[in-house]
Amino acid sequence: LVLSESFAHLLVRAGAGVEKIIIFWFLA
């Protein structure tokens, strides 16, 4: 989860980090 935020920022620059972590967490 900690790393997912960093890599999600490479894919989608817009949006908050918390939102990206929650999306990754739910899908995984």
PDB file of all heavy atoms in Angstrom:
ATOM      1  N   LEU A   1       0.823  -1.203   0.000  1.00  0.00           N
ATOM      2  CA  LEU A   1       0.000   0.000   0.000  1.00  0.00           C
ATOM      3  C   LEU A   1       0.862   1.260   0.000  1.00  0.00           C
ATOM      4  O   LEU A   1       0.566   2.227  -0.709  1.00  0.00           O
ATOM      5  CB  LEU A   1      -0.927   0.006   1.222  1.00  0.00           C
ATOM      6  CG  LEU A   1      -2.061  -1.011   1.268  1.00  0.00           C
ATOM      7  CD1 LEU A   1      -2.885  -0.814   2.527  1.00  0.00           C
ATOM      8  CD2 LEU A   1      -2.950  -0.894   0.038  1.00  0.00           C
ATOM      9  N   VAL A   2       1.932   1.250   0.805  1.00  0.00           N
ATOM     10  CA  VAL A   2       2.828   2.406   0.876  1.00  0.00           C
ATOM     11  C   VAL A   2       3.393   2.727  -0.503  1.00  0.00           C
ATOM     12  O   VAL A   2       3.438   3.890  -0.930  1.00  0.00           O
ATOM     13  CB  VAL A   2       3.964   2.157   1.885  1.00  0.00           C
ATOM     14  CG1 VAL A   2       5.020   3.261   1.802  1.00  0.00           C
ATOM     15  CG2 VAL A   2       3.408   2.064   3.302  1.00  0.00           C
ATOM     16  N   LEU A   3       3.829   1.693  -1.217  1.00  0.00           N
ATOM     17  CA  LEU A   3       4.433   1.903  -2.535  1.00  0.00           C
ATOM     18  C   LEU A   3       3.404   2.230  -3.614  1.00  0.00           C
ATOM     19  O   LEU A   3       3.724   2.886  -4.610  1.00  0.00           O
ATOM     20  CB  LEU A   3       5.210   0.659  -2.961  1.00  0.00           C
ATOM     21  CG  LEU A   3       6.651   0.564  -2.483  1.00  0.00           C
ATOM     22  CD1 LEU A   3       7.292  -0.696  -3.035  1.00  0.00           C
ATOM     23  CD2 LEU A   3       7.461   1.781  -2.898  1.00  0.00           C
ATOM     24  N   SER A   4       2.190   1.771  -3.430  1.00  0.00           N
ATOM     25  CA  SER A   4       1.188   1.961  -4.484  1.00  0.00           C
ATOM     26  C   SER A   4       0.962   3.438  -4.780  1.00  0.00           C
ATOM     27  O   SER A   4       0.704   3.818  -5.929  1.00  0.00           O
ATOM     28  CB  SER A   4      -0.136   1.299  -4.094  1.00  0.00           C
ATOM     29  OG  SER A   4      -0.748   1.962  -2.994  1.00  0.00           O
ATOM     30  N   GLU A   5       1.078   4.292  -3.765  1.00  0.00           N
ATOM     31  CA  GLU A   5       0.880   5.727  -3.986  1.00  0.00           C
ATOM     32  C   GLU A   5       1.938   6.289  -4.929  1.00  0.00           C
ATOM     33  O   GLU A   5       1.626   7.060  -5.854  1.00  0.00           O
ATOM     34  CB  GLU A   5       0.911   6.476  -2.663  1.00  0.00           C
ATOM     35  CG  GLU A   5       0.706   7.974  -2.814  1.00  0.00           C
ATOM     36  CD  GLU A   5       0.737   8.694  -1.480  1.00  0.00           C
ATOM     37  OE1 GLU A   5       0.929   8.037  -0.439  1.00  0.00           O
ATOM     38  OE2 GLU A   5       0.576   9.938  -1.490  1.00  0.00           O
ATOM     39  N   SER A   6       3.215   5.901  -4.725  1.00  0.00           N
ATOM     40  CA  SER A   6       4.302   6.416  -5.565  1.00  0.00           C
ATOM     41  C   SER A   6       4.111   6.028  -7.022  1.00  0.00           C
ATOM     42  O   SER A   6       4.265   6.859  -7.933  1.00  0.00           O
ATOM     43  CB  SER A   6       5.650   5.884  -5.061  1.00  0.00           C
ATOM     44  OG  SER A   6       5.899   6.312  -3.743  1.00  0.00           O
ATOM     45  N   PHE A   7       3.766   4.783  -7.268  1.00  0.00           N
ATOM     46  CA  PHE A   7       3.623   4.320  -8.648  1.00  0.00           C
ATOM     47  C   PHE A   7       2.335   4.815  -9.281  1.00  0.00           C
ATOM     48  O   PHE A   7       2.281   5.048 -10.492  1.00  0.00           O
ATOM     49  CB  PHE A   7       3.715   2.803  -8.701  1.00  0.00           C
ATOM     50  CG  PHE A   7       5.078   2.299  -8.377  1.00  0.00           C
ATOM     51  CD1 PHE A   7       5.340   1.680  -7.170  1.00  0.00           C
ATOM     52  CD2 PHE A   7       6.132   2.488  -9.262  1.00  0.00           C
ATOM     53  CE1 PHE A   7       6.607   1.241  -6.856  1.00  0.00           C
ATOM     54  CE2 PHE A   7       7.407   2.055  -8.961  1.00  0.00           C
ATOM     55  CZ  PHE A   7       7.652   1.428  -7.753  1.00  0.00           C
ATOM     56  N   ALA A   8       1.300   4.987  -8.478  1.00  0.00           N
ATOM     57  CA  ALA A   8       0.060   5.538  -9.012  1.00  0.00           C
ATOM     58  C   ALA A   8       0.277   6.969  -9.494  1.00  0.00           C
ATOM     59  O   ALA A   8      -0.321   7.401 -10.485  1.00  0.00           O
ATOM     60  CB  ALA A   8      -1.036   5.490  -7.956  1.00  0.00           C
ATOM     61  N   HIS A   9       1.156   7.725  -8.826  1.00  0.00           N
ATOM     62  CA  HIS A   9       1.453   9.093  -9.250  1.00  0.00           C
ATOM     63  C   HIS A   9       2.147   9.112 -10.613  1.00  0.00           C
ATOM     64  O   HIS A   9       2.025  10.087 -11.366  1.00  0.00           O
ATOM     65  CB  HIS A   9       2.333   9.788  -8.219  1.00  0.00           C
ATOM     66  CG  HIS A   9       1.585  10.299  -7.024  1.00  0.00           C
ATOM     67  ND1 HIS A   9       0.362  10.934  -7.122  1.00  0.00           N
ATOM     68  CD2 HIS A   9       1.883  10.278  -5.705  1.00  0.00           C
ATOM     69  CE1 HIS A   9      -0.059  11.270  -5.914  1.00  0.00           C
ATOM     70  NE2 HIS A   9       0.847  10.880  -5.031  1.00  0.00           N
ATOM     71  N   LEU A  10       2.901   8.064 -10.951  1.00  0.00           N
ATOM     72  CA  LEU A  10       3.530   8.000 -12.263  1.00  0.00           C
ATOM     73  C   LEU A  10       2.503   7.780 -13.369  1.00  0.00           C
ATOM     74  O   LEU A  10       2.684   8.234 -14.499  1.00  0.00           O
ATOM     75  CB  LEU A  10       4.568   6.878 -12.304  1.00  0.00           C
ATOM     76  CG  LEU A  10       5.828   7.050 -11.451  1.00  0.00           C
ATOM     77  CD1 LEU A  10       6.743   5.853 -11.636  1.00  0.00           C
ATOM     78  CD2 LEU A  10       6.564   8.332 -11.811  1.00  0.00           C
ATOM     79  N   LEU A  11       1.442   7.070 -13.034  1.00  0.00           N
ATOM     80  CA  LEU A  11       0.412   6.776 -14.029  1.00  0.00           C
ATOM     81  C   LEU A  11      -0.587   7.910 -14.166  1.00  0.00           C
ATOM     82  O   LEU A  11      -0.966   8.294 -15.267  1.00  0.00           O
ATOM     83  CB  LEU A  11      -0.327   5.489 -13.645  1.00  0.00           C
ATOM     84  CG  LEU A  11       0.509   4.213 -13.623  1.00  0.00           C
ATOM     85  CD1 LEU A  11      -0.334   3.047 -13.136  1.00  0.00           C
ATOM     86  CD2 LEU A  11       1.076   3.910 -14.997  1.00  0.00           C
ATOM     87  N   VAL A  12      -1.015   8.450 -13.032  1.00  0.00           N
ATOM     88  CA  VAL A  12      -2.009   9.521 -13.012  1.00  0.00           C
ATOM     89  C   VAL A  12      -1.513  10.609 -12.074  1.00  0.00           C
ATOM     90  O   VAL A  12      -1.512  10.411 -10.853  1.00  0.00           O
ATOM     91  CB  VAL A  12      -3.386   9.009 -12.547  1.00  0.00           C
ATOM     92  CG1 VAL A  12      -4.412  10.141 -12.584  1.00  0.00           C
ATOM     93  CG2 VAL A  12      -3.848   7.835 -13.396  1.00  0.00           C
ATOM     94  N   ARG A  13      -1.058  11.712 -12.636  1.00  0.00           N
ATOM     95  CA  ARG A  13      -0.500  12.789 -11.814  1.00  0.00           C
ATOM     96  C   ARG A  13      -1.577  13.493 -11.002  1.00  0.00           C
ATOM     97  O   ARG A  13      -1.322  13.975  -9.900  1.00  0.00           O
ATOM     98  CB  ARG A  13       0.230  13.807 -12.705  1.00  0.00           C
ATOM     99  CG  ARG A  13       1.361  13.211 -13.534  1.00  0.00           C
ATOM    100  CD  ARG A  13       2.497  12.759 -12.663  1.00  0.00           C
ATOM    101  NE  ARG A  13       3.524  12.068 -13.413  1.00  0.00           N
ATOM    102  CZ  ARG A  13       4.549  12.663 -14.018  1.00  0.00           C
ATOM    103  NH1 ARG A  13       4.668  13.980 -13.966  1.00  0.00           N
ATOM    104  NH2 ARG A  13       5.448  11.956 -14.665  1.00  0.00           N
ATOM    105  N   ALA A  14      -2.780  13.600 -11.543  1.00  0.00           N
ATOM    106  CA  ALA A  14      -3.867  14.298 -10.848  1.00  0.00           C
ATOM    107  C   ALA A  14      -4.464  13.401  -9.768  1.00  0.00           C
ATOM    108  O   ALA A  14      -4.347  12.178  -9.803  1.00  0.00           O
ATOM    109  CB  ALA A  14      -4.942  14.715 -11.844  1.00  0.00           C
ATOM    110  N   GLY A  15      -5.107  14.023  -8.793  1.00  0.00           N
ATOM    111  CA  GLY A  15      -5.790  13.270  -7.758  1.00  0.00           C
ATOM    112  C   GLY A  15      -4.959  13.125  -6.499  1.00  0.00           C
ATOM    113  O   GLY A  15      -3.729  13.180  -6.537  1.00  0.00           O
ATOM    114  N   ALA A  16      -5.642  12.930  -5.392  1.00  0.00           N
ATOM    115  CA  ALA A  16      -4.968  12.796  -4.099  1.00  0.00           C
ATOM    116  C   ALA A  16      -4.388  11.402  -3.930  1.00  0.00           C
ATOM    117  O   ALA A  16      -4.918  10.416  -4.461  1.00  0.00           O
ATOM    118  CB  ALA A  16      -5.958  13.100  -2.971  1.00  0.00           C
ATOM    119  N   GLY A  17      -3.295  11.326  -3.154  1.00  0.00           N
ATOM    120  CA  GLY A  17      -2.659  10.042  -2.915  1.00  0.00           C
ATOM    121  C   GLY A  17      -3.543   9.074  -2.156  1.00  0.00           C
ATOM    122  O   GLY A  17      -3.545   7.870  -2.428  1.00  0.00           O
ATOM    123  N   VAL A  18      -4.323   9.589  -1.228  1.00  0.00           N
ATOM    124  CA  VAL A  18      -5.209   8.736  -0.431  1.00  0.00           C
ATOM    125  C   VAL A  18      -6.225   8.036  -1.324  1.00  0.00           C
ATOM    126  O   VAL A  18      -6.509   6.842  -1.156  1.00  0.00           O
ATOM    127  CB  VAL A  18      -5.922   9.570   0.649  1.00  0.00           C
ATOM    128  CG1 VAL A  18      -6.990   8.727   1.348  1.00  0.00           C
ATOM    129  CG2 VAL A  18      -4.919  10.088   1.676  1.00  0.00           C
ATOM    130  N   GLU A  19      -6.757   8.762  -2.288  1.00  0.00           N
ATOM    131  CA  GLU A  19      -7.734   8.160  -3.199  1.00  0.00           C
ATOM    132  C   GLU A  19      -7.107   7.011  -3.988  1.00  0.00           C
ATOM    133  O   GLU A  19      -7.739   5.962  -4.191  1.00  0.00           O
ATOM    134  CB  GLU A  19      -8.262   9.221  -4.164  1.00  0.00           C
ATOM    135  CG  GLU A  19      -9.049  10.334  -3.485  1.00  0.00           C
ATOM    136  CD  GLU A  19      -9.395  11.450  -4.444  1.00  0.00           C
ATOM    137  OE1 GLU A  19      -8.891  11.415  -5.587  1.00  0.00           O
ATOM    138  OE2 GLU A  19     -10.165  12.354  -4.053  1.00  0.00           O
ATOM    139  N   LYS A  20      -5.871   7.194  -4.442  1.00  0.00           N
ATOM    140  CA  LYS A  20      -5.194   6.162  -5.224  1.00  0.00           C
ATOM    141  C   LYS A  20      -4.893   4.932  -4.373  1.00  0.00           C
ATOM    142  O   LYS A  20      -5.015   3.795  -4.847  1.00  0.00           O
ATOM    143  CB  LYS A  20      -3.909   6.731  -5.818  1.00  0.00           C
ATOM    144  CG  LYS A  20      -4.168   7.841  -6.831  1.00  0.00           C
ATOM    145  CD  LYS A  20      -2.901   8.552  -7.241  1.00  0.00           C
ATOM    146  CE  LYS A  20      -3.224   9.708  -8.176  1.00  0.00           C
ATOM    147  NZ  LYS A  20      -2.028  10.492  -8.523  1.00  0.00           N
ATOM    148  N   ILE A  21      -4.511   5.157  -3.125  1.00  0.00           N
ATOM    149  CA  ILE A  21      -4.251   4.036  -2.219  1.00  0.00           C
ATOM    150  C   ILE A  21      -5.520   3.232  -1.985  1.00  0.00           C
ATOM    151  O   ILE A  21      -5.510   1.998  -1.997  1.00  0.00           O
ATOM    152  CB  ILE A  21      -3.675   4.551  -0.885  1.00  0.00           C
ATOM    153  CG1 ILE A  21      -2.232   5.027  -1.090  1.00  0.00           C
ATOM    154  CG2 ILE A  21      -3.725   3.467   0.192  1.00  0.00           C
ATOM    155  CD1 ILE A  21      -1.650   5.716   0.115  1.00  0.00           C
ATOM    156  N   ILE A  22      -6.629   3.917  -1.771  1.00  0.00           N
ATOM    157  CA  ILE A  22      -7.895   3.225  -1.507  1.00  0.00           C
ATOM    158  C   ILE A  22      -8.329   2.411  -2.726  1.00  0.00           C
ATOM    159  O   ILE A  22      -8.809   1.276  -2.596  1.00  0.00           O
ATOM    160  CB  ILE A  22      -8.987   4.247  -1.103  1.00  0.00           C
ATOM    161  CG1 ILE A  22      -8.659   4.816   0.280  1.00  0.00           C
ATOM    162  CG2 ILE A  22     -10.360   3.588  -1.094  1.00  0.00           C
ATOM    163  CD1 ILE A  22      -9.602   5.907   0.732  1.00  0.00           C
ATOM    164  N   ILE A  23      -8.162   2.977  -3.922  1.00  0.00           N
ATOM    165  CA  ILE A  23      -8.526   2.249  -5.144  1.00  0.00           C
ATOM    166  C   ILE A  23      -7.657   0.995  -5.293  1.00  0.00           C
ATOM    167  O   ILE A  23      -8.160  -0.104  -5.576  1.00  0.00           O
ATOM    168  CB  ILE A  23      -8.381   3.157  -6.380  1.00  0.00           C
ATOM    169  CG1 ILE A  23      -9.450   4.256  -6.353  1.00  0.00           C
ATOM    170  CG2 ILE A  23      -8.506   2.336  -7.670  1.00  0.00           C
ATOM    171  CD1 ILE A  23      -9.261   5.315  -7.418  1.00  0.00           C
ATOM    172  N   PHE A  24      -6.333   1.156  -5.111  1.00  0.00           N
ATOM    173  CA  PHE A  24      -5.426   0.007  -5.195  1.00  0.00           C
ATOM    174  C   PHE A  24      -5.806  -1.044  -4.160  1.00  0.00           C
ATOM    175  O   PHE A  24      -5.890  -2.243  -4.464  1.00  0.00           O
ATOM    176  CB  PHE A  24      -3.981   0.459  -4.967  1.00  0.00           C
ATOM    177  CG  PHE A  24      -3.003  -0.678  -4.850  1.00  0.00           C
ATOM    178  CD1 PHE A  24      -2.391  -1.208  -5.969  1.00  0.00           C
ATOM    179  CD2 PHE A  24      -2.696  -1.228  -3.606  1.00  0.00           C
ATOM    180  CE1 PHE A  24      -1.505  -2.260  -5.864  1.00  0.00           C
ATOM    181  CE2 PHE A  24      -1.814  -2.286  -3.486  1.00  0.00           C
ATOM    182  CZ  PHE A  24      -1.217  -2.797  -4.627  1.00  0.00           C
ATOM    183  N   TRP A  25      -6.032  -0.619  -2.927  1.00  0.00           N
ATOM    184  CA  TRP A  25      -6.373  -1.539  -1.836  1.00  0.00           C
ATOM    185  C   TRP A  25      -7.640  -2.323  -2.142  1.00  0.00           C
ATOM    186  O   TRP A  25      -7.682  -3.543  -1.975  1.00  0.00           O
ATOM    187  CB  TRP A  25      -6.548  -0.744  -0.544  1.00  0.00           C
ATOM    188  CG  TRP A  25      -7.313  -1.461   0.515  1.00  0.00           C
ATOM    189  CD1 TRP A  25      -6.879  -2.502   1.300  1.00  0.00           C
ATOM    190  CD2 TRP A  25      -8.662  -1.207   0.905  1.00  0.00           C
ATOM    191  NE1 TRP A  25      -7.882  -2.905   2.148  1.00  0.00           N
ATOM    192  CE2 TRP A  25      -8.983  -2.131   1.925  1.00  0.00           C
ATOM    193  CE3 TRP A  25      -9.617  -0.290   0.493  1.00  0.00           C
ATOM    194  CZ2 TRP A  25     -10.238  -2.144   2.535  1.00  0.00           C
ATOM    195  CZ3 TRP A  25     -10.864  -0.309   1.103  1.00  0.00           C
ATOM    196  CH2 TRP A  25     -11.169  -1.232   2.114  1.00  0.00           C
ATOM    197  N   PHE A  26      -8.645  -1.647  -2.635  1.00  0.00           N
ATOM    198  CA  PHE A  26      -9.914  -2.320  -2.914  1.00  0.00           C
ATOM    199  C   PHE A  26      -9.769  -3.338  -4.036  1.00  0.00           C
ATOM    200  O   PHE A  26     -10.231  -4.486  -3.914  1.00  0.00           O
ATOM    201  CB  PHE A  26     -10.994  -1.294  -3.268  1.00  0.00           C
ATOM    202  CG  PHE A  26     -12.317  -1.919  -3.601  1.00  0.00           C
ATOM    203  CD1 PHE A  26     -13.165  -2.349  -2.597  1.00  0.00           C
ATOM    204  CD2 PHE A  26     -12.720  -2.099  -4.924  1.00  0.00           C
ATOM    205  CE1 PHE A  26     -14.381  -2.940  -2.895  1.00  0.00           C
ATOM    206  CE2 PHE A  26     -13.917  -2.684  -5.235  1.00  0.00           C
ATOM    207  CZ  PHE A  26     -14.761  -3.114  -4.219  1.00  0.00           C
ATOM    208  N   LEU A  27      -9.138  -2.951  -5.140  1.00  0.00           N
ATOM    209  CA  LEU A  27      -8.990  -3.850  -6.289  1.00  0.00           C
ATOM    210  C   LEU A  27      -8.131  -5.064  -5.934  1.00  0.00           C
ATOM    211  O   LEU A  27      -8.463  -6.196  -6.288  1.00  0.00           O
ATOM    212  CB  LEU A  27      -8.380  -3.094  -7.469  1.00  0.00           C
ATOM    213  CG  LEU A  27      -9.252  -2.002  -8.090  1.00  0.00           C
ATOM    214  CD1 LEU A  27      -8.482  -1.283  -9.189  1.00  0.00           C
ATOM    215  CD2 LEU A  27     -10.552  -2.585  -8.650  1.00  0.00           C
ATOM    216  N   ALA A  28      -6.991  -4.841  -5.240  1.00  0.00           N
ATOM    217  CA  ALA A  28      -6.097  -5.943  -4.902  1.00  0.00           C
ATOM    218  C   ALA A  28      -6.745  -6.893  -3.898  1.00  0.00           C
ATOM    219  O   ALA A  28      -6.593  -8.116  -4.001  1.00  0.00           O
ATOM    220  CB  ALA A  28      -4.781  -5.396  -4.346  1.00  0.00           C
TER     221      ALA A  28
END
